[in-house]
N, C-alpha and C. Protein backbone atom coordinates (compact mmCIF):
# COMPACT_ATOMS: atom_id res chain seq x y z
N UNK A 1 6.49 36.81 159.08
CA UNK A 1 5.47 37.66 159.67
C UNK A 1 4.64 36.80 160.62
N UNK A 2 4.18 37.44 161.66
CA UNK A 2 3.38 36.73 162.65
C UNK A 2 2.33 37.68 163.21
N UNK A 3 1.22 37.12 163.59
CA UNK A 3 0.17 37.90 164.23
C UNK A 3 0.63 38.25 165.65
N UNK A 4 0.47 39.52 166.03
CA UNK A 4 0.89 39.96 167.35
C UNK A 4 0.16 39.22 168.47
N UNK A 5 -1.15 38.96 168.27
CA UNK A 5 -1.90 38.27 169.32
C UNK A 5 -1.40 36.84 169.51
N UNK A 6 -1.04 36.18 168.42
CA UNK A 6 -0.52 34.82 168.50
C UNK A 6 0.83 34.80 169.23
N UNK A 7 1.69 35.75 168.90
CA UNK A 7 2.99 35.84 169.56
C UNK A 7 2.83 36.18 171.04
N UNK A 8 1.91 37.07 171.34
CA UNK A 8 1.65 37.43 172.74
C UNK A 8 1.21 36.21 173.53
N UNK A 9 0.31 35.41 172.98
CA UNK A 9 -0.14 34.20 173.68
C UNK A 9 1.01 33.22 173.88
N UNK A 10 1.87 33.09 172.88
CA UNK A 10 3.03 32.19 173.02
C UNK A 10 3.97 32.67 174.11
N UNK A 11 4.20 33.96 174.18
CA UNK A 11 5.06 34.53 175.22
C UNK A 11 4.44 34.31 176.60
N UNK A 12 3.15 34.54 176.70
CA UNK A 12 2.46 34.35 177.99
C UNK A 12 2.53 32.89 178.44
N UNK A 13 2.39 31.97 177.52
CA UNK A 13 2.46 30.54 177.87
C UNK A 13 3.87 30.10 178.23
N UNK A 14 4.87 30.82 177.78
CA UNK A 14 6.26 30.46 178.09
C UNK A 14 6.58 30.69 179.56
N UNK A 15 5.78 31.47 180.26
CA UNK A 15 5.99 31.76 181.68
C UNK A 15 7.41 32.23 181.97
N UNK A 16 7.91 33.12 181.12
CA UNK A 16 9.25 33.68 181.31
C UNK A 16 9.07 35.19 181.45
N UNK A 17 9.34 35.72 182.63
CA UNK A 17 9.11 37.15 182.87
C UNK A 17 9.96 38.03 181.96
N UNK A 18 11.13 37.55 181.55
CA UNK A 18 11.96 38.36 180.64
C UNK A 18 11.30 38.48 179.28
N UNK A 19 10.75 37.39 178.77
CA UNK A 19 10.07 37.44 177.48
C UNK A 19 8.86 38.36 177.53
N UNK A 20 8.22 38.46 178.68
CA UNK A 20 7.04 39.31 178.82
C UNK A 20 7.38 40.78 178.54
N UNK A 21 8.65 41.16 178.69
CA UNK A 21 9.07 42.53 178.40
C UNK A 21 8.92 42.86 176.92
N UNK A 22 8.82 41.84 176.07
CA UNK A 22 8.67 42.05 174.64
C UNK A 22 7.24 42.42 174.23
N UNK A 23 6.27 42.09 175.07
CA UNK A 23 4.85 42.27 174.72
C UNK A 23 4.50 43.71 174.33
N UNK A 24 4.97 44.74 175.05
CA UNK A 24 4.61 46.11 174.64
C UNK A 24 5.09 46.48 173.23
N UNK A 25 6.09 45.80 172.71
CA UNK A 25 6.60 46.09 171.37
C UNK A 25 5.74 45.47 170.26
N UNK A 26 4.75 44.67 170.62
CA UNK A 26 3.95 43.95 169.63
C UNK A 26 2.80 44.81 169.12
N UNK A 27 3.17 45.79 168.33
CA UNK A 27 2.19 46.68 167.69
C UNK A 27 2.59 46.82 166.23
N UNK A 28 1.61 46.91 165.36
CA UNK A 28 1.91 47.06 163.93
C UNK A 28 2.46 45.76 163.36
N UNK A 29 3.18 45.88 162.24
CA UNK A 29 3.74 44.70 161.58
C UNK A 29 4.89 44.13 162.40
N UNK A 30 4.89 42.82 162.55
CA UNK A 30 5.93 42.15 163.33
C UNK A 30 6.46 40.96 162.56
N UNK A 31 7.77 40.83 162.56
CA UNK A 31 8.42 39.68 161.95
C UNK A 31 9.39 39.11 162.98
N UNK A 32 9.56 37.80 162.94
CA UNK A 32 10.50 37.13 163.84
C UNK A 32 11.67 36.60 163.05
N UNK A 33 12.83 36.62 163.67
CA UNK A 33 14.02 36.00 163.08
C UNK A 33 14.64 35.10 164.14
N UNK A 34 15.03 33.92 163.72
CA UNK A 34 15.69 32.98 164.61
C UNK A 34 17.07 32.66 164.04
N UNK A 35 18.06 32.58 164.91
CA UNK A 35 19.41 32.31 164.45
C UNK A 35 20.27 31.75 165.57
N UNK A 36 21.35 31.11 165.18
CA UNK A 36 22.33 30.64 166.16
C UNK A 36 23.43 31.68 166.35
N UNK A 37 23.48 32.69 165.48
CA UNK A 37 24.48 33.74 165.56
C UNK A 37 23.80 35.00 166.08
N UNK A 38 24.21 35.46 167.24
CA UNK A 38 23.49 36.52 167.95
C UNK A 38 23.35 37.83 167.17
N UNK A 39 24.32 38.18 166.36
CA UNK A 39 24.25 39.47 165.68
C UNK A 39 23.75 39.39 164.24
N UNK A 40 23.45 38.21 163.75
CA UNK A 40 23.05 38.04 162.34
C UNK A 40 21.77 38.81 161.98
N UNK A 41 20.69 38.72 162.74
CA UNK A 41 19.49 39.47 162.35
C UNK A 41 19.72 40.97 162.30
N UNK A 42 20.47 41.51 163.24
CA UNK A 42 20.74 42.95 163.25
C UNK A 42 21.55 43.35 162.02
N UNK A 43 22.51 42.52 161.65
CA UNK A 43 23.31 42.80 160.45
C UNK A 43 22.44 42.75 159.20
N UNK A 44 21.50 41.82 159.15
CA UNK A 44 20.59 41.70 157.99
C UNK A 44 19.71 42.94 157.88
N UNK A 45 19.17 43.39 159.02
CA UNK A 45 18.32 44.59 159.01
C UNK A 45 19.13 45.79 158.54
N UNK A 46 20.32 45.95 159.08
CA UNK A 46 21.17 47.08 158.71
C UNK A 46 21.52 47.05 157.22
N UNK A 47 21.84 45.87 156.70
CA UNK A 47 22.16 45.73 155.28
C UNK A 47 20.94 46.05 154.41
N UNK A 48 19.77 45.59 154.84
CA UNK A 48 18.54 45.83 154.08
C UNK A 48 18.21 47.31 154.04
N UNK A 49 18.53 48.03 155.10
CA UNK A 49 18.24 49.46 155.17
C UNK A 49 19.03 50.26 154.14
N UNK A 50 20.13 49.71 153.66
CA UNK A 50 20.90 50.43 152.64
C UNK A 50 20.08 50.57 151.37
N UNK A 51 19.15 49.64 151.16
CA UNK A 51 18.30 49.65 149.97
C UNK A 51 16.93 50.26 150.26
N UNK A 52 16.39 49.98 151.46
CA UNK A 52 15.04 50.42 151.82
C UNK A 52 15.01 50.64 153.33
N UNK A 53 14.76 51.85 153.76
CA UNK A 53 14.81 52.20 155.18
C UNK A 53 13.58 51.76 155.97
N UNK A 54 12.80 50.85 155.44
CA UNK A 54 11.54 50.46 156.07
C UNK A 54 11.68 49.66 157.37
N UNK A 55 12.45 48.57 157.42
CA UNK A 55 12.37 47.75 158.63
C UNK A 55 12.97 48.45 159.85
N UNK A 56 12.29 48.29 160.96
CA UNK A 56 12.75 48.85 162.24
C UNK A 56 12.83 47.72 163.24
N UNK A 57 13.78 47.80 164.12
CA UNK A 57 13.91 46.82 165.19
C UNK A 57 12.98 47.23 166.32
N UNK A 58 12.00 46.39 166.61
CA UNK A 58 11.10 46.67 167.72
C UNK A 58 11.71 46.18 169.02
N UNK A 59 12.14 44.92 169.02
CA UNK A 59 12.69 44.31 170.22
C UNK A 59 13.47 43.07 169.83
N UNK A 60 14.38 42.68 170.70
CA UNK A 60 15.17 41.48 170.45
C UNK A 60 15.44 40.77 171.76
N UNK A 61 15.46 39.45 171.68
CA UNK A 61 15.82 38.60 172.81
C UNK A 61 17.04 37.82 172.37
N UNK A 62 18.21 38.21 172.92
CA UNK A 62 19.47 37.63 172.49
C UNK A 62 20.27 37.19 173.72
N UNK A 63 20.66 35.93 173.73
CA UNK A 63 21.50 35.42 174.83
C UNK A 63 20.92 35.80 176.19
N UNK A 64 19.63 35.64 176.34
CA UNK A 64 18.90 35.92 177.57
C UNK A 64 18.88 37.40 177.96
N UNK A 65 19.10 38.27 176.99
CA UNK A 65 19.02 39.71 177.22
C UNK A 65 17.95 40.30 176.31
N UNK A 66 17.27 41.33 176.81
CA UNK A 66 16.22 42.00 176.05
C UNK A 66 16.76 43.34 175.53
N UNK A 67 16.52 43.60 174.26
CA UNK A 67 16.87 44.87 173.64
C UNK A 67 15.58 45.45 173.09
N UNK A 68 15.18 46.63 173.55
CA UNK A 68 13.94 47.26 173.13
C UNK A 68 14.26 48.53 172.34
N UNK A 69 13.69 48.65 171.15
CA UNK A 69 13.80 49.86 170.37
C UNK A 69 14.84 49.79 169.26
N UNK A 70 14.57 50.56 168.22
CA UNK A 70 15.41 50.58 167.04
C UNK A 70 16.81 51.14 167.33
N UNK A 71 16.92 51.97 168.35
CA UNK A 71 18.22 52.54 168.69
C UNK A 71 19.20 51.48 169.21
N UNK A 72 18.72 50.28 169.49
CA UNK A 72 19.56 49.18 169.96
C UNK A 72 20.21 48.40 168.81
N UNK A 73 19.87 48.75 167.58
CA UNK A 73 20.37 48.00 166.43
C UNK A 73 21.89 47.98 166.37
N UNK A 74 22.53 49.13 166.56
CA UNK A 74 23.99 49.16 166.51
C UNK A 74 24.62 48.32 167.63
N UNK A 75 24.00 48.33 168.80
CA UNK A 75 24.50 47.49 169.90
C UNK A 75 24.42 46.02 169.53
N UNK A 76 23.34 45.63 168.87
CA UNK A 76 23.17 44.24 168.46
C UNK A 76 24.15 43.86 167.36
N UNK A 77 24.39 44.77 166.42
CA UNK A 77 25.36 44.50 165.35
C UNK A 77 26.74 44.28 165.96
N UNK A 78 27.04 45.01 167.03
CA UNK A 78 28.35 44.92 167.68
C UNK A 78 28.56 43.67 168.52
N UNK A 79 27.49 42.93 168.79
CA UNK A 79 27.65 41.70 169.57
C UNK A 79 28.51 40.70 168.81
N UNK A 80 29.32 39.99 169.54
CA UNK A 80 30.17 38.99 168.90
C UNK A 80 29.48 37.63 168.96
N UNK A 81 29.69 36.84 167.92
CA UNK A 81 29.12 35.50 167.88
C UNK A 81 29.88 34.60 168.85
N UNK A 82 29.30 33.47 169.13
CA UNK A 82 29.93 32.50 170.02
C UNK A 82 31.32 32.11 169.49
N UNK A 83 31.42 31.86 168.19
CA UNK A 83 32.70 31.48 167.59
C UNK A 83 33.73 32.61 167.69
N UNK A 84 33.28 33.85 167.51
CA UNK A 84 34.20 34.98 167.64
C UNK A 84 34.72 35.10 169.07
N UNK A 85 33.84 34.89 170.06
CA UNK A 85 34.26 34.95 171.45
C UNK A 85 35.23 33.83 171.80
N UNK A 86 34.97 32.63 171.30
CA UNK A 86 35.88 31.50 171.55
C UNK A 86 37.25 31.79 170.94
N UNK A 87 37.27 32.33 169.73
CA UNK A 87 38.54 32.66 169.07
C UNK A 87 39.31 33.71 169.87
N UNK A 88 38.59 34.69 170.43
CA UNK A 88 39.24 35.72 171.25
C UNK A 88 39.86 35.12 172.50
N UNK A 89 39.11 34.25 173.18
CA UNK A 89 39.62 33.61 174.39
C UNK A 89 40.86 32.78 174.09
N UNK A 90 40.82 32.01 173.02
CA UNK A 90 41.97 31.19 172.63
C UNK A 90 43.17 32.08 172.34
N UNK A 91 42.94 33.18 171.64
CA UNK A 91 44.01 34.12 171.33
C UNK A 91 44.62 34.70 172.60
N UNK A 92 43.76 35.06 173.56
CA UNK A 92 44.25 35.61 174.82
C UNK A 92 45.04 34.57 175.61
N UNK A 93 44.60 33.32 175.56
CA UNK A 93 45.31 32.26 176.27
C UNK A 93 46.65 31.94 175.63
N UNK A 94 46.71 32.03 174.30
CA UNK A 94 47.94 31.72 173.58
C UNK A 94 49.00 32.81 173.76
N UNK A 95 48.59 34.04 173.92
CA UNK A 95 49.51 35.16 173.95
C UNK A 95 50.58 35.03 175.04
N UNK A 96 50.24 34.76 176.31
CA UNK A 96 51.28 34.64 177.33
C UNK A 96 52.23 33.46 177.06
N UNK A 97 51.69 32.38 176.55
CA UNK A 97 52.52 31.21 176.26
C UNK A 97 53.52 31.55 175.17
N UNK A 98 53.06 32.27 174.14
CA UNK A 98 53.96 32.65 173.05
C UNK A 98 55.05 33.60 173.54
N UNK A 99 54.71 34.49 174.48
CA UNK A 99 55.73 35.39 175.03
C UNK A 99 56.78 34.63 175.83
N UNK A 100 56.36 33.65 176.62
CA UNK A 100 57.29 32.84 177.40
C UNK A 100 58.22 32.07 176.46
N UNK A 101 57.64 31.45 175.44
CA UNK A 101 58.45 30.69 174.47
C UNK A 101 59.43 31.63 173.77
N UNK A 102 58.97 32.80 173.37
CA UNK A 102 59.84 33.78 172.72
C UNK A 102 60.98 34.21 173.63
N UNK A 103 60.67 34.45 174.91
CA UNK A 103 61.70 34.85 175.87
C UNK A 103 62.71 33.73 176.07
N UNK A 104 62.23 32.50 176.16
CA UNK A 104 63.15 31.36 176.33
C UNK A 104 64.03 31.19 175.11
N UNK A 105 63.47 31.37 173.92
CA UNK A 105 64.26 31.25 172.69
C UNK A 105 65.31 32.34 172.62
N UNK A 106 64.94 33.58 173.00
CA UNK A 106 65.90 34.68 172.98
C UNK A 106 67.02 34.46 173.99
N UNK A 107 66.65 33.97 175.17
CA UNK A 107 67.66 33.71 176.20
C UNK A 107 68.60 32.62 175.75
N UNK A 108 68.06 31.54 175.16
CA UNK A 108 68.85 30.44 174.67
C UNK A 108 69.75 30.87 173.53
N UNK A 109 69.27 31.75 172.67
CA UNK A 109 70.04 32.24 171.53
C UNK A 109 71.21 33.11 171.98
N UNK A 110 71.00 33.88 173.07
CA UNK A 110 72.05 34.75 173.58
C UNK A 110 73.21 33.96 174.14
N UNK A 111 72.92 32.85 174.84
CA UNK A 111 73.98 32.03 175.43
C UNK A 111 74.79 31.33 174.34
N UNK A 112 74.14 30.86 173.30
CA UNK A 112 74.83 30.19 172.20
C UNK A 112 75.73 31.15 171.44
N UNK A 113 75.33 32.38 171.35
CA UNK A 113 76.11 33.37 170.59
C UNK A 113 77.39 33.70 171.34
N UNK A 114 77.34 33.70 172.70
CA UNK A 114 78.52 34.04 173.51
C UNK A 114 79.51 32.89 173.53
N UNK A 115 79.08 31.66 173.37
CA UNK A 115 79.97 30.50 173.47
C UNK A 115 80.80 30.29 172.30
C-alpha cells in the first residue's frame, strides 16, 4: 500500500510523460506491485478474485506501455513473459531448419531404397 500523494510526487519527479498518465488513477486505496514478469501481477489479481472480488486494477505500467482501468486485466494476463517470447522465437527459428533436415532425410532415404 502506498499513499497516493507520495506516489504522485514520485511520478512527477521521474519527469516521464508516460508515467504521468497514471496520476488520474491515484484515487482511493492504491497498491503497487513490482515484477520482472510482465503478466504476473495481473495473474495474481485474477487468482485472488476467485476468493474475494475486491481488488481492481486501476492502472499498470508494463514494458513502457500504460494500461488504464480494470477492463485491461485480461489483456495484461494475456501478455507473454520475456522467457515465453524467447522460447517462441527459438521455436519459429528451429521450424524451417527442421523441415529442411526432414526433407533431406526423406530424399536421401528414397535414393537408398531404390538402389
